[in-house]
Amino acid sequence: MAHRPVGAGISLTTSATSGMTTSFTVQTDVMRVVAVTSGAFVAIGTNPTATTADYYVPAGSSATLAMTKASNRVVGIITGTTTIVSVPEGTQVPFGVGDFVSITGASEPLYNFVHVPVVSVDTTSGVDGYYQTRLTLGHNSSGILTAFSAKDATIKNSLRVAARTEGSGGIVYAQQVQISGQA
């Protein structure tokens, strides 16, 4: 089985208390996790807390954990105390309430949001409906005065890795990968 690294790897110093990485956009459906010096319990989610009930990776070994990748192109953003994001007509928002997302690739840097919560998805239908092409983010963008121009902006789900050791401290490395070959 071969692994092809995707994006930057993440490292996390662990202890008997859960620690969490910074957020990352999901670019593949597999995360490879390596527990270097001590066994670790690992959780992946929007703001996870690792407990002894989570996935266990023994010291000196690795595991490949599944994730769900979701993204869409951004065609419009309405600023305010919450932020409304529109995706192309004929597609739909692949996110739900409680998910966290990041926007990257916007020509205007202030529109590149990192790890913000989805608070609603517009499911209205009819002549003036949005048919799930709009979502509202729990992000205050009212201070942005520059107009949004939809060139190459993309909205993707974003997650974090949490880990804790079974005893003394350790290190956990996590890397998104593509897998080829037989397992």
Protein backbone atom coordinates (compact mmCIF):
# COMPACT_ATOMS: atom_id res chain seq x y z
CA MET A 1 0.00 0.00 0.00
CA ALA A 2 1.39 3.41 -0.95
CA HIS A 3 0.59 6.76 0.67
CA ARG A 4 0.70 10.05 -1.21
CA PRO A 5 0.91 13.02 1.22
CA VAL A 6 -1.70 15.73 0.71
CA GLY A 7 -1.16 19.18 2.21
CA ALA A 8 0.99 19.85 5.24
CA GLY A 9 1.38 17.42 8.13
CA ILE A 10 0.42 18.30 11.70
CA SER A 11 2.22 17.41 14.91
CA LEU A 12 0.82 17.46 18.42
CA THR A 13 2.58 17.02 21.75
CA THR A 14 0.36 14.83 23.90
CA SER A 15 -0.22 14.22 27.59
CA ALA A 16 -2.88 12.55 29.73
CA THR A 17 -5.09 15.56 28.94
CA SER A 18 -6.60 16.06 25.48
CA GLY A 19 -4.81 18.50 23.19
CA MET A 20 -5.99 19.77 19.82
CA THR A 21 -4.31 20.87 16.58
CA THR A 22 -5.11 23.95 14.56
CA SER A 23 -7.77 23.49 11.91
CA PHE A 24 -7.13 22.12 8.43
CA THR A 25 -9.29 21.93 5.32
CA VAL A 26 -10.18 18.39 4.35
CA GLN A 27 -8.48 17.63 1.02
CA THR A 28 -8.74 13.83 0.99
CA ASP A 29 -10.79 11.16 2.73
CA VAL A 30 -7.95 9.61 4.78
CA MET A 31 -5.86 10.86 7.69
CA ARG A 32 -2.76 8.84 8.64
CA VAL A 33 -1.97 9.16 12.35
CA VAL A 34 1.33 8.06 13.91
CA ALA A 35 1.82 7.74 17.69
CA VAL A 36 5.58 8.15 18.10
CA THR A 37 6.60 7.65 21.74
CA SER A 38 3.45 6.67 23.59
CA GLY A 39 0.09 5.12 22.71
CA ALA A 40 -2.53 7.75 21.92
CA PHE A 41 -6.30 8.06 21.80
CA VAL A 42 -7.26 10.11 18.73
CA ALA A 43 -10.42 11.98 17.73
CA ILE A 44 -11.06 13.95 14.53
CA GLY A 45 -13.85 16.52 14.41
CA THR A 46 -14.78 20.19 14.35
CA ASN A 47 -13.54 20.87 17.92
CA PRO A 48 -12.86 17.39 19.32
CA THR A 49 -11.76 16.32 22.78
CA ALA A 50 -9.93 13.00 22.86
CA THR A 51 -10.96 10.57 25.61
CA THR A 52 -9.97 7.03 26.46
CA ALA A 53 -13.06 5.90 24.54
CA ASP A 54 -11.66 7.23 21.21
CA TYR A 55 -9.61 5.42 18.57
CA TYR A 56 -6.39 4.00 20.03
CA VAL A 57 -3.07 4.06 18.17
CA PRO A 58 -0.34 1.99 19.92
CA ALA A 59 3.10 3.55 20.47
CA GLY A 60 5.35 3.32 17.44
CA SER A 61 2.54 2.46 15.05
CA SER A 62 0.17 4.21 12.69
CA ALA A 63 -3.48 4.12 11.70
CA THR A 64 -5.42 5.45 8.73
CA LEU A 65 -8.68 7.06 9.73
CA ALA A 66 -11.51 8.03 7.38
CA MET A 67 -12.82 11.57 6.98
CA THR A 68 -15.55 13.08 4.83
CA LYS A 69 -14.45 15.59 2.20
CA ALA A 70 -16.91 18.31 1.16
CA SER A 71 -16.42 21.46 -0.90
CA ASN A 72 -18.02 23.79 -3.41
CA ARG A 73 -17.20 26.94 -5.33
CA VAL A 74 -18.21 30.28 -3.77
CA VAL A 75 -20.09 32.65 -6.10
CA GLY A 76 -21.23 35.27 -3.60
CA ILE A 77 -20.79 36.50 -0.06
CA ILE A 78 -23.07 38.89 1.84
CA THR A 79 -21.32 40.45 4.81
CA GLY A 80 -22.89 41.28 8.17
CA THR A 81 -22.92 40.14 11.79
CA THR A 82 -23.33 36.69 10.25
CA THR A 83 -22.01 35.90 6.77
CA ILE A 84 -24.15 34.49 3.95
CA VAL A 85 -22.31 32.40 1.35
CA SER A 86 -23.79 31.40 -2.03
CA VAL A 87 -22.68 28.43 -4.13
CA PRO A 88 -23.46 27.97 -7.85
CA GLU A 89 -27.04 27.45 -8.95
CA GLY A 90 -27.71 23.82 -9.79
CA THR A 91 -25.46 22.58 -6.98
CA GLN A 92 -26.13 22.49 -3.29
CA VAL A 93 -24.36 23.19 -0.04
CA PRO A 94 -22.64 19.97 1.11
CA PHE A 95 -22.53 21.17 4.73
CA GLY A 96 -24.97 21.03 7.61
CA VAL A 97 -25.61 23.01 10.77
CA GLY A 98 -22.76 22.37 13.21
CA ASP A 99 -20.13 21.75 10.54
CA PHE A 100 -17.12 24.08 10.37
CA VAL A 101 -15.83 25.47 7.07
CA SER A 102 -12.97 27.52 5.67
CA ILE A 103 -12.95 29.68 2.55
CA THR A 104 -9.74 29.81 0.54
CA GLY A 105 -8.66 31.33 -2.76
CA ALA A 106 -10.67 34.56 -2.53
CA SER A 107 -9.08 37.48 -4.41
CA GLU A 108 -9.81 39.70 -1.42
CA PRO A 109 -7.83 38.24 1.55
CA LEU A 110 -10.46 39.30 4.13
CA TYR A 111 -12.88 36.78 2.59
CA ASN A 112 -10.55 33.85 3.32
CA PHE A 113 -12.23 32.67 6.54
CA VAL A 114 -10.75 29.91 8.69
CA HIS A 115 -12.75 27.31 10.66
CA VAL A 116 -16.07 29.08 11.16
CA PRO A 117 -19.36 27.37 12.08
CA VAL A 118 -22.31 26.78 9.75
CA VAL A 119 -25.39 28.11 11.57
CA SER A 120 -28.03 27.52 8.89
CA VAL A 121 -28.65 26.29 5.34
CA ASP A 122 -31.36 28.02 3.27
CA THR A 123 -33.72 25.30 2.04
CA THR A 124 -36.48 27.59 0.71
CA SER A 125 -37.90 26.69 -2.66
CA GLY A 126 -40.09 28.41 -5.20
CA VAL A 127 -39.43 31.32 -7.55
CA ASP A 128 -37.37 33.29 -5.02
CA GLY A 129 -35.99 30.26 -3.17
CA TYR A 130 -32.40 29.18 -2.88
CA TYR A 131 -32.76 25.37 -2.98
CA GLN A 132 -29.80 24.81 -0.64
CA THR A 133 -27.44 27.11 -2.53
CA ARG A 134 -26.95 29.44 0.46
CA LEU A 135 -25.61 28.94 3.95
CA THR A 136 -25.10 31.26 6.89
CA LEU A 137 -21.85 31.25 8.81
CA GLY A 138 -21.40 32.30 12.43
CA HIS A 139 -18.75 34.82 11.38
CA ASN A 140 -18.97 38.60 11.81
CA SER A 141 -17.82 40.04 8.49
CA SER A 142 -19.51 43.43 8.91
CA GLY A 143 -16.14 45.20 8.91
CA ILE A 144 -15.30 44.10 5.36
CA LEU A 145 -15.93 46.98 2.96
CA THR A 146 -14.39 45.48 -0.20
CA ALA A 147 -16.85 43.86 -2.59
CA PHE A 148 -16.50 40.11 -3.10
CA SER A 149 -15.58 39.00 -6.61
CA ALA A 150 -16.08 35.29 -7.22
CA LYS A 151 -12.94 34.21 -9.04
CA ASP A 152 -11.40 31.14 -7.44
CA ALA A 153 -12.86 31.04 -3.93
CA THR A 154 -13.71 27.61 -2.53
CA ILE A 155 -15.51 26.63 0.65
CA LYS A 156 -14.35 23.37 2.27
CA ASN A 157 -15.13 21.58 5.48
CA SER A 158 -12.48 22.00 8.14
CA LEU A 159 -11.57 19.73 11.04
CA ARG A 160 -9.08 19.36 13.88
CA VAL A 161 -7.25 16.39 15.39
CA ALA A 162 -7.30 15.84 19.16
CA ALA A 163 -5.16 13.33 21.00
CA ARG A 164 -4.21 12.22 24.50
CA THR A 165 -1.78 9.60 25.69
CA GLU A 166 -2.51 6.64 27.88
CA GLY A 167 0.15 7.76 30.37
CA SER A 168 3.09 10.14 30.10
CA GLY A 169 3.61 12.56 27.24
CA GLY A 170 4.20 11.70 23.61
CA ILE A 171 3.97 13.02 20.09
CA VAL A 172 1.33 12.36 17.45
CA TYR A 173 1.83 13.15 13.77
CA ALA A 174 -1.12 13.42 11.41
CA GLN A 175 -1.03 13.70 7.62
CA GLN A 176 -3.79 13.64 5.04
CA VAL A 177 -2.95 10.99 2.43
CA GLN A 178 -4.24 9.32 -0.67
CA ILE A 179 -3.89 5.56 -0.61
CA SER A 180 -3.07 3.40 -3.61
CA GLY A 181 -2.61 -0.35 -3.88
CA GLN A 182 -4.14 -3.09 -1.78
CA ALA A 183 -4.40 -2.89 1.97
